[in-house]
Amino acid sequence: MSDSIPSSEYIQIVRELATLGTKIDNFFSAQNSMKTEIDGLKKDISAVKSDVTEIKTQRRITMSNLALLTVPAGGIAWLAGQIAEPLLKKILGV
């Protein structure tokens, strides 16, 4: 029984190993590319979170300012009603 492998089989094994090596290299290259893209997406998400926080802060400030304006506006409307009601009654004769 001969343990020697024919040279054509050696050549075939070497070719298949080279093909397998190329596939592994391509896989790792794709993995690195995806990692780079994912890292970029993480940065974009962080920027969006920061923007959302800023928008929420500005909205809170705006709502607070609007509430502060509503109180005097209600008082002014009440005062205008107190002044206008007697005048209207006098003009309309009611």
PDB file of N, CA and C in Angstrom:
ATOM      1  N   MET A   1       0.841  -1.163   0.000  1.00  0.00           N
ATOM      2  CA  MET A   1       0.000   0.000   0.000  1.00  0.00           C
ATOM      3  C   MET A   1       0.890   1.232   0.000  1.00  0.00           C
ATOM      4  N   SER A   2       0.600   2.128  -0.894  1.00  0.00           N
ATOM      5  CA  SER A   2       1.436   3.309  -1.049  1.00  0.00           C
ATOM      6  C   SER A   2       0.793   4.487  -0.328  1.00  0.00           C
ATOM      7  N   ASP A   3       1.612   5.192   0.472  1.00  0.00           N
ATOM      8  CA  ASP A   3       1.117   6.358   1.198  1.00  0.00           C
ATOM      9  C   ASP A   3       1.384   7.645   0.421  1.00  0.00           C
ATOM     10  N   SER A   4       1.951   7.568  -0.698  1.00  0.00           N
ATOM     11  CA  SER A   4       2.278   8.774  -1.450  1.00  0.00           C
ATOM     12  C   SER A   4       1.035   9.277  -2.190  1.00  0.00           C
ATOM     13  N   ILE A   5       0.894  10.608  -2.187  1.00  0.00           N
ATOM     14  CA  ILE A   5      -0.229  11.254  -2.880  1.00  0.00           C
ATOM     15  C   ILE A   5       0.301  11.739  -4.224  1.00  0.00           C
ATOM     16  N   PRO A   6      -0.434  11.482  -5.269  1.00  0.00           N
ATOM     17  CA  PRO A   6       0.019  11.942  -6.582  1.00  0.00           C
ATOM     18  C   PRO A   6       0.132  13.475  -6.609  1.00  0.00           C
ATOM     19  N   SER A   7       1.049  13.965  -7.406  1.00  0.00           N
ATOM     20  CA  SER A   7       1.298  15.410  -7.482  1.00  0.00           C
ATOM     21  C   SER A   7       0.075  16.170  -7.976  1.00  0.00           C
ATOM     22  N   SER A   8      -0.741  15.572  -8.810  1.00  0.00           N
ATOM     23  CA  SER A   8      -1.944  16.258  -9.285  1.00  0.00           C
ATOM     24  C   SER A   8      -2.912  16.521  -8.125  1.00  0.00           C
ATOM     25  N   GLU A   9      -2.966  15.627  -7.154  1.00  0.00           N
ATOM     26  CA  GLU A   9      -3.815  15.843  -5.995  1.00  0.00           C
ATOM     27  C   GLU A   9      -3.226  16.941  -5.099  1.00  0.00           C
ATOM     28  N   TYR A  10      -1.907  16.991  -4.992  1.00  0.00           N
ATOM     29  CA  TYR A  10      -1.264  18.078  -4.248  1.00  0.00           C
ATOM     30  C   TYR A  10      -1.623  19.423  -4.870  1.00  0.00           C
ATOM     31  N   ILE A  11      -1.529  19.485  -6.171  1.00  0.00           N
ATOM     32  CA  ILE A  11      -1.838  20.720  -6.884  1.00  0.00           C
ATOM     33  C   ILE A  11      -3.296  21.110  -6.636  1.00  0.00           C
ATOM     34  N   GLN A  12      -4.194  20.143  -6.678  1.00  0.00           N
ATOM     35  CA  GLN A  12      -5.612  20.407  -6.436  1.00  0.00           C
ATOM     36  C   GLN A  12      -5.831  20.917  -5.002  1.00  0.00           C
ATOM     37  N   ILE A  13      -5.146  20.303  -4.028  1.00  0.00           N
ATOM     38  CA  ILE A  13      -5.267  20.746  -2.626  1.00  0.00           C
ATOM     39  C   ILE A  13      -4.749  22.161  -2.478  1.00  0.00           C
ATOM     40  N   VAL A  14      -3.635  22.481  -3.097  1.00  0.00           N
ATOM     41  CA  VAL A  14      -3.066  23.830  -3.020  1.00  0.00           C
ATOM     42  C   VAL A  14      -4.021  24.842  -3.634  1.00  0.00           C
ATOM     43  N   ARG A  15      -4.619  24.496  -4.768  1.00  0.00           N
ATOM     44  CA  ARG A  15      -5.586  25.404  -5.423  1.00  0.00           C
ATOM     45  C   ARG A  15      -6.797  25.642  -4.515  1.00  0.00           C
ATOM     46  N   GLU A  16      -7.301  24.584  -3.919  1.00  0.00           N
ATOM     47  CA  GLU A  16      -8.464  24.728  -3.044  1.00  0.00           C
ATOM     48  C   GLU A  16      -8.123  25.529  -1.800  1.00  0.00           C
ATOM     49  N   LEU A  17      -6.910  25.341  -1.276  1.00  0.00           N
ATOM     50  CA  LEU A  17      -6.482  26.145  -0.138  1.00  0.00           C
ATOM     51  C   LEU A  17      -6.354  27.621  -0.512  1.00  0.00           C
ATOM     52  N   ALA A  18      -5.841  27.872  -1.704  1.00  0.00           N
ATOM     53  CA  ALA A  18      -5.721  29.263  -2.164  1.00  0.00           C
ATOM     54  C   ALA A  18      -7.105  29.887  -2.326  1.00  0.00           C
ATOM     55  N   THR A  19      -8.040  29.131  -2.869  1.00  0.00           N
ATOM     56  CA  THR A  19      -9.410  29.625  -3.024  1.00  0.00           C
ATOM     57  C   THR A  19     -10.034  29.894  -1.664  1.00  0.00           C
ATOM     58  N   LEU A  20      -9.823  28.968  -0.741  1.00  0.00           N
ATOM     59  CA  LEU A  20     -10.352  29.133   0.612  1.00  0.00           C
ATOM     60  C   LEU A  20      -9.720  30.354   1.292  1.00  0.00           C
ATOM     61  N   GLY A  21      -8.426  30.532   1.119  1.00  0.00           N
ATOM     62  CA  GLY A  21      -7.737  31.707   1.680  1.00  0.00           C
ATOM     63  C   GLY A  21      -8.306  32.997   1.123  1.00  0.00           C
ATOM     64  N   THR A  22      -8.592  33.024  -0.175  1.00  0.00           N
ATOM     65  CA  THR A  22      -9.167  34.209  -0.807  1.00  0.00           C
ATOM     66  C   THR A  22     -10.552  34.494  -0.233  1.00  0.00           C
ATOM     67  N   LYS A  23     -11.339  33.446  -0.059  1.00  0.00           N
ATOM     68  CA  LYS A  23     -12.680  33.629   0.504  1.00  0.00           C
ATOM     69  C   LYS A  23     -12.607  34.160   1.943  1.00  0.00           C
ATOM     70  N   ILE A  24     -11.667  33.644   2.712  1.00  0.00           N
ATOM     71  CA  ILE A  24     -11.499  34.126   4.090  1.00  0.00           C
ATOM     72  C   ILE A  24     -11.068  35.590   4.095  1.00  0.00           C
ATOM     73  N   ASP A  25     -10.137  35.952   3.218  1.00  0.00           N
ATOM     74  CA  ASP A  25      -9.698  37.351   3.123  1.00  0.00           C
ATOM     75  C   ASP A  25     -10.865  38.261   2.751  1.00  0.00           C
ATOM     76  N   ASN A  26     -11.678  37.828   1.783  1.00  0.00           N
ATOM     77  CA  ASN A  26     -12.835  38.621   1.377  1.00  0.00           C
ATOM     78  C   ASN A  26     -13.832  38.768   2.527  1.00  0.00           C
ATOM     79  N   PHE A  27     -14.013  37.698   3.285  1.00  0.00           N
ATOM     80  CA  PHE A  27     -14.920  37.738   4.434  1.00  0.00           C
ATOM     81  C   PHE A  27     -14.449  38.773   5.453  1.00  0.00           C
ATOM     82  N   PHE A  28     -13.146  38.715   5.817  1.00  0.00           N
ATOM     83  CA  PHE A  28     -12.628  39.663   6.792  1.00  0.00           C
ATOM     84  C   PHE A  28     -12.669  41.095   6.261  1.00  0.00           C
ATOM     85  N   SER A  29     -12.444  41.259   4.989  1.00  0.00           N
ATOM     86  CA  SER A  29     -12.519  42.590   4.392  1.00  0.00           C
ATOM     87  C   SER A  29     -13.943  43.134   4.491  1.00  0.00           C
ATOM     88  N   ALA A  30     -14.921  42.277   4.200  1.00  0.00           N
ATOM     89  CA  ALA A  30     -16.324  42.685   4.305  1.00  0.00           C
ATOM     90  C   ALA A  30     -16.676  43.004   5.753  1.00  0.00           C
ATOM     91  N   GLN A  31     -16.168  42.210   6.692  1.00  0.00           N
ATOM     92  CA  GLN A  31     -16.426  42.451   8.115  1.00  0.00           C
ATOM     93  C   GLN A  31     -15.858  43.808   8.537  1.00  0.00           C
ATOM     94  N   ASN A  32     -14.660  44.119   8.105  1.00  0.00           N
ATOM     95  CA  ASN A  32     -14.054  45.411   8.450  1.00  0.00           C
ATOM     96  C   ASN A  32     -14.851  46.562   7.851  1.00  0.00           C
ATOM     97  N   SER A  33     -15.295  46.367   6.626  1.00  0.00           N
ATOM     98  CA  SER A  33     -16.100  47.400   5.969  1.00  0.00           C
ATOM     99  C   SER A  33     -17.408  47.633   6.725  1.00  0.00           C
ATOM    100  N   MET A  34     -18.059  46.541   7.131  1.00  0.00           N
ATOM    101  CA  MET A  34     -19.313  46.660   7.877  1.00  0.00           C
ATOM    102  C   MET A  34     -19.076  47.312   9.236  1.00  0.00           C
ATOM    103  N   LYS A  35     -17.968  46.982   9.875  1.00  0.00           N
ATOM    104  CA  LYS A  35     -17.658  47.581  11.175  1.00  0.00           C
ATOM    105  C   LYS A  35     -17.468  49.082  11.035  1.00  0.00           C
ATOM    106  N   THR A  36     -16.775  49.496   9.992  1.00  0.00           N
ATOM    107  CA  THR A  36     -16.575  50.921   9.749  1.00  0.00           C
ATOM    108  C   THR A  36     -17.918  51.615   9.532  1.00  0.00           C
ATOM    109  N   GLU A  37     -18.788  50.985   8.752  1.00  0.00           N
ATOM    110  CA  GLU A  37     -20.109  51.564   8.488  1.00  0.00           C
ATOM    111  C   GLU A  37     -20.943  51.625   9.773  1.00  0.00           C
ATOM    112  N   ILE A  38     -20.890  50.590  10.585  1.00  0.00           N
ATOM    113  CA  ILE A  38     -21.633  50.566  11.849  1.00  0.00           C
ATOM    114  C   ILE A  38     -21.114  51.648  12.792  1.00  0.00           C
ATOM    115  N   ASP A  39     -19.809  51.825  12.841  1.00  0.00           N
ATOM    116  CA  ASP A  39     -19.242  52.886  13.683  1.00  0.00           C
ATOM    117  C   ASP A  39     -19.731  54.259  13.225  1.00  0.00           C
ATOM    118  N   GLY A  40     -19.815  54.460  11.917  1.00  0.00           N
ATOM    119  CA  GLY A  40     -20.347  55.719  11.394  1.00  0.00           C
ATOM    120  C   GLY A  40     -21.806  55.911  11.770  1.00  0.00           C
ATOM    121  N   LEU A  41     -22.587  54.833  11.714  1.00  0.00           N
ATOM    122  CA  LEU A  41     -23.996  54.917  12.107  1.00  0.00           C
ATOM    123  C   LEU A  41     -24.139  55.232  13.593  1.00  0.00           C
ATOM    124  N   LYS A  42     -23.255  54.667  14.407  1.00  0.00           N
ATOM    125  CA  LYS A  42     -23.292  54.967  15.841  1.00  0.00           C
ATOM    126  C   LYS A  42     -23.061  56.456  16.086  1.00  0.00           C
ATOM    127  N   LYS A  43     -22.124  57.037  15.347  1.00  0.00           N
ATOM    128  CA  LYS A  43     -21.865  58.476  15.488  1.00  0.00           C
ATOM    129  C   LYS A  43     -23.085  59.283  15.058  1.00  0.00           C
ATOM    130  N   ASP A  44     -23.714  58.865  13.945  1.00  0.00           N
ATOM    131  CA  ASP A  44     -24.909  59.562  13.472  1.00  0.00           C
ATOM    132  C   ASP A  44     -26.037  59.475  14.503  1.00  0.00           C
ATOM    133  N   ILE A  45     -26.216  58.307  15.096  1.00  0.00           N
ATOM    134  CA  ILE A  45     -27.261  58.127  16.108  1.00  0.00           C
ATOM    135  C   ILE A  45     -26.978  59.001  17.321  1.00  0.00           C
ATOM    136  N   SER A  46     -25.735  59.085  17.722  1.00  0.00           N
ATOM    137  CA  SER A  46     -25.378  59.941  18.857  1.00  0.00           C
ATOM    138  C   SER A  46     -25.694  61.403  18.551  1.00  0.00           C
ATOM    139  N   ALA A  47     -25.410  61.828  17.321  1.00  0.00           N
ATOM    140  CA  ALA A  47     -25.707  63.206  16.932  1.00  0.00           C
ATOM    141  C   ALA A  47     -27.214  63.452  16.942  1.00  0.00           C
ATOM    142  N   VAL A  48     -27.989  62.477  16.470  1.00  0.00           N
ATOM    143  CA  VAL A  48     -29.449  62.626  16.455  1.00  0.00           C
ATOM    144  C   VAL A  48     -29.981  62.686  17.890  1.00  0.00           C
ATOM    145  N   LYS A  49     -29.450  61.843  18.768  1.00  0.00           N
ATOM    146  CA  LYS A  49     -29.878  61.879  20.175  1.00  0.00           C
ATOM    147  C   LYS A  49     -29.588  63.246  20.786  1.00  0.00           C
ATOM    148  N   SER A  50     -28.434  63.783  20.485  1.00  0.00           N
ATOM    149  CA  SER A  50     -28.075  65.103  21.002  1.00  0.00           C
ATOM    150  C   SER A  50     -29.030  66.165  20.467  1.00  0.00           C
ATOM    151  N   ASP A  51     -29.357  66.083  19.180  1.00  0.00           N
ATOM    152  CA  ASP A  51     -30.300  67.035  18.580  1.00  0.00           C
ATOM    153  C   ASP A  51     -31.688  66.914  19.216  1.00  0.00           C
ATOM    154  N   VAL A  52     -32.140  65.696  19.461  1.00  0.00           N
ATOM    155  CA  VAL A  52     -33.446  65.480  20.076  1.00  0.00           C
ATOM    156  C   VAL A  52     -33.467  66.077  21.485  1.00  0.00           C
ATOM    157  N   THR A  53     -32.389  65.887  22.214  1.00  0.00           N
ATOM    158  CA  THR A  53     -32.302  66.459  23.558  1.00  0.00           C
ATOM    159  C   THR A  53     -32.395  67.977  23.498  1.00  0.00           C
ATOM    160  N   GLU A  54     -31.696  68.581  22.541  1.00  0.00           N
ATOM    161  CA  GLU A  54     -31.731  70.035  22.377  1.00  0.00           C
ATOM    162  C   GLU A  54     -33.137  70.505  21.999  1.00  0.00           C
ATOM    163  N   ILE A  55     -33.791  69.775  21.101  1.00  0.00           N
ATOM    164  CA  ILE A  55     -35.155  70.133  20.687  1.00  0.00           C
ATOM    165  C   ILE A  55     -36.111  70.046  21.875  1.00  0.00           C
ATOM    166  N   LYS A  56     -35.978  68.984  22.675  1.00  0.00           N
ATOM    167  CA  LYS A  56     -36.838  68.843  23.852  1.00  0.00           C
ATOM    168  C   LYS A  56     -36.611  69.985  24.833  1.00  0.00           C
ATOM    169  N   THR A  57     -35.357  70.368  25.011  1.00  0.00           N
ATOM    170  CA  THR A  57     -35.040  71.472  25.920  1.00  0.00           C
ATOM    171  C   THR A  57     -35.658  72.766  25.416  1.00  0.00           C
ATOM    172  N   GLN A  58     -35.500  73.032  24.124  1.00  0.00           N
ATOM    173  CA  GLN A  58     -36.068  74.252  23.549  1.00  0.00           C
ATOM    174  C   GLN A  58     -37.592  74.245  23.620  1.00  0.00           C
ATOM    175  N   ARG A  59     -38.200  73.085  23.421  1.00  0.00           N
ATOM    176  CA  ARG A  59     -39.663  72.979  23.503  1.00  0.00           C
ATOM    177  C   ARG A  59     -40.119  73.269  24.927  1.00  0.00           C
ATOM    178  N   ARG A  60     -39.411  72.721  25.905  1.00  0.00           N
ATOM    179  CA  ARG A  60     -39.755  72.963  27.311  1.00  0.00           C
ATOM    180  C   ARG A  60     -39.663  74.452  27.634  1.00  0.00           C
ATOM    181  N   ILE A  61     -38.616  75.096  27.139  1.00  0.00           N
ATOM    182  CA  ILE A  61     -38.447  76.542  27.369  1.00  0.00           C
ATOM    183  C   ILE A  61     -39.578  77.315  26.704  1.00  0.00           C
ATOM    184  N   THR A  62     -39.910  76.941  25.481  1.00  0.00           N
ATOM    185  CA  THR A  62     -40.984  77.619  24.753  1.00  0.00           C
ATOM    186  C   THR A  62     -42.320  77.455  25.460  1.00  0.00           C
ATOM    187  N   MET A  63     -42.616  76.228  25.922  1.00  0.00           N
ATOM    188  CA  MET A  63     -43.876  76.000  26.622  1.00  0.00           C
ATOM    189  C   MET A  63     -43.917  76.801  27.931  1.00  0.00           C
ATOM    190  N   SER A  64     -42.796  76.891  28.609  1.00  0.00           N
ATOM    191  CA  SER A  64     -42.731  77.666  29.843  1.00  0.00           C
ATOM    192  C   SER A  64     -42.985  79.143  29.561  1.00  0.00           C
ATOM    193  N   ASN A  65     -42.349  79.657  28.509  1.00  0.00           N
ATOM    194  CA  ASN A  65     -42.554  81.060  28.143  1.00  0.00           C
ATOM    195  C   ASN A  65     -43.990  81.313  27.709  1.00  0.00           C
ATOM    196  N   LEU A  66     -44.571  80.369  26.996  1.00  0.00           N
ATOM    197  CA  LEU A  66     -45.962  80.501  26.562  1.00  0.00           C
ATOM    198  C   LEU A  66     -46.891  80.531  27.774  1.00  0.00           C
ATOM    199  N   ALA A  67     -46.610  79.702  28.757  1.00  0.00           N
ATOM    200  CA  ALA A  67     -47.414  79.695  29.981  1.00  0.00           C
ATOM    201  C   ALA A  67     -47.285  81.037  30.708  1.00  0.00           C
ATOM    202  N   LEU A  68     -46.074  81.585  30.712  1.00  0.00           N
ATOM    203  CA  LEU A  68     -45.879  82.885  31.358  1.00  0.00           C
ATOM    204  C   LEU A  68     -46.622  83.996  30.630  1.00  0.00           C
ATOM    205  N   LEU A  69     -46.755  83.877  29.310  1.00  0.00           N
ATOM    206  CA  LEU A  69     -47.482  84.888  28.536  1.00  0.00           C
ATOM    207  C   LEU A  69     -48.992  84.719  28.669  1.00  0.00           C
ATOM    208  N   THR A  70     -49.447  83.516  28.920  1.00  0.00           N
ATOM    209  CA  THR A  70     -50.880  83.248  28.998  1.00  0.00           C
ATOM    210  C   THR A  70     -51.502  83.931  30.207  1.00  0.00           C
ATOM    211  N   VAL A  71     -50.824  83.928  31.323  1.00  0.00           N
ATOM    212  CA  VAL A  71     -51.366  84.535  32.542  1.00  0.00           C
ATOM    213  C   VAL A  71     -51.616  86.033  32.348  1.00  0.00           C
ATOM    214  N   PRO A  72     -50.634  86.827  31.897  1.00  0.00           N
ATOM    215  CA  PRO A  72     -50.912  88.252  31.686  1.00  0.00           C
ATOM    216  C   PRO A  72     -51.957  88.485  30.597  1.00  0.00           C
ATOM    217  N   ALA A  73     -51.952  87.635  29.556  1.00  0.00           N
ATOM    218  CA  ALA A  73     -52.925  87.810  28.485  1.00  0.00           C
ATOM    219  C   ALA A  73     -54.330  87.597  29.013  1.00  0.00           C
ATOM    220  N   GLY A  74     -54.504  86.627  29.897  1.00  0.00           N
ATOM    221  CA  GLY A  74     -55.820  86.400  30.499  1.00  0.00           C
ATOM    222  C   GLY A  74     -56.240  87.579  31.360  1.00  0.00           C
ATOM    223  N   GLY A  75     -55.288  88.128  32.103  1.00  0.00           N
ATOM    224  CA  GLY A  75     -55.588  89.304  32.932  1.00  0.00           C
ATOM    225  C   GLY A  75     -55.962  90.500  32.087  1.00  0.00           C
ATOM    226  N   ILE A  76     -55.253  90.679  30.997  1.00  0.00           N
ATOM    227  CA  ILE A  76     -55.546  91.804  30.096  1.00  0.00           C
ATOM    228  C   ILE A  76     -56.918  91.619  29.472  1.00  0.00           C
ATOM    229  N   ALA A  77     -57.235  90.381  29.059  1.00  0.00           N
ATOM    230  CA  ALA A  77     -58.550  90.119  28.476  1.00  0.00           C
ATOM    231  C   ALA A  77     -59.647  90.376  29.500  1.00  0.00           C
ATOM    232  N   TRP A  78     -59.427  89.972  30.738  1.00  0.00           N
ATOM    233  CA  TRP A  78     -60.420  90.218  31.793  1.00  0.00           C
ATOM    234  C   TRP A  78     -60.614  91.715  32.008  1.00  0.00           C
ATOM    235  N   LEU A  79     -59.495  92.450  32.067  1.00  0.00           N
ATOM    236  CA  LEU A  79     -59.552  93.890  32.263  1.00  0.00           C
ATOM    237  C   LEU A  79     -60.262  94.569  31.096  1.00  0.00           C
ATOM    238  N   ALA A  80     -59.938  94.123  29.874  1.00  0.00           N
ATOM    239  CA  ALA A  80     -60.605  94.697  28.701  1.00  0.00           C
ATOM    240  C   ALA A  80     -62.102  94.428  28.756  1.00  0.00           C
ATOM    241  N   GLY A  81     -62.464  93.241  29.202  1.00  0.00           N
ATOM    242  CA  GLY A  81     -63.894  92.920  29.338  1.00  0.00           C
ATOM    243  C   GLY A  81     -64.563  93.796  30.378  1.00  0.00           C
ATOM    244  N   GLN A  82     -63.879  94.077  31.479  1.00  0.00           N
ATOM    245  CA  GLN A  82     -64.434  94.924  32.527  1.00  0.00           C
ATOM    246  C   GLN A  82     -64.632  96.358  32.045  1.00  0.00           C
ATOM    247  N   ILE A  83     -63.724  96.796  31.191  1.00  0.00           N
ATOM    248  CA  ILE A  83     -63.837  98.163  30.661  1.00  0.00           C
ATOM    249  C   ILE A  83     -64.846  98.206  29.523  1.00  0.00           C
ATOM    250  N   ALA A  84     -64.796  97.201  28.651  1.00  0.00           N
ATOM    251  CA  ALA A  84     -65.645  97.226  27.459  1.00  0.00           C
ATOM    252  C   ALA A  84     -67.108  96.963  27.789  1.00  0.00           C
ATOM    253  N   GLU A  85     -67.382  96.147  28.772  1.00  0.00           N
ATOM    254  CA  GLU A  85     -68.773  95.797  29.076  1.00  0.00           C
ATOM    255  C   GLU A  85     -69.611  97.015  29.441  1.00  0.00           C
ATOM    256  N   PRO A  86     -69.170  97.865  30.359  1.00  0.00           N
ATOM    257  CA  PRO A  86     -69.986  99.050  30.667  1.00  0.00           C
ATOM    258  C   PRO A  86     -70.116  99.989  29.464  1.00  0.00           C
ATOM    259  N   LEU A  87     -69.035 100.106  28.696  1.00  0.00           N
ATOM    260  CA  LEU A  87     -69.105 100.981  27.517  1.00  0.00           C
ATOM    261  C   LEU A  87     -70.110 100.454  26.508  1.00  0.00           C
ATOM    262  N   LEU A  88     -70.085  99.148  26.275  1.00  0.00           N
ATOM    263  CA  LEU A  88     -71.021  98.557  25.323  1.00  0.00           C
ATOM    264  C   LEU A  88     -72.466  98.696  25.825  1.00  0.00           C
ATOM    265  N   LYS A  89     -72.660  98.501  27.110  1.00  0.00           N
ATOM    266  CA  LYS A  89     -74.002  98.641  27.685  1.00  0.00           C
ATOM    267  C   LYS A  89     -74.491 100.077  27.501  1.00  0.00           C
ATOM    268  N   LYS A  90     -73.583 101.037  27.704  1.00  0.00           N
ATOM    269  CA  LYS A  90     -73.944 102.428  27.577  1.00  0.00           C
ATOM    270  C   LYS A  90     -74.250 102.787  26.129  1.00  0.00           C
ATOM    271  N   ILE A  91     -73.400 102.273  25.198  1.00  0.00           N
ATOM    272  CA  ILE A  91     -73.589 102.577  23.774  1.00  0.00           C
ATOM    273  C   ILE A  91     -74.843 101.896  23.242  1.00  0.00           C
ATOM    274  N   LEU A  92     -75.087 100.672  23.602  1.00  0.00           N
ATOM    275  CA  LEU A  92     -76.222  99.914  23.085  1.00  0.00           C
ATOM    276  C   LEU A  92     -77.491 100.189  23.886  1.00  0.00           C
ATOM    277  N   GLY A  93     -77.347 100.782  24.991  1.00  0.00           N
ATOM    278  CA  GLY A  93     -78.505 101.122  25.817  1.00  0.00           C
ATOM    279  C   GLY A  93     -79.115  99.914  26.504  1.00  0.00           C
ATOM    280  N   VAL A  94     -78.323  98.970  26.806  1.00  0.00           N
ATOM    281  CA  VAL A  94     -78.827  97.767  27.476  1.00  0.00           C
ATOM    282  C   VAL A  94     -78.813  97.932  28.967  1.00  0.00           C
TER     283      VAL A  94
END
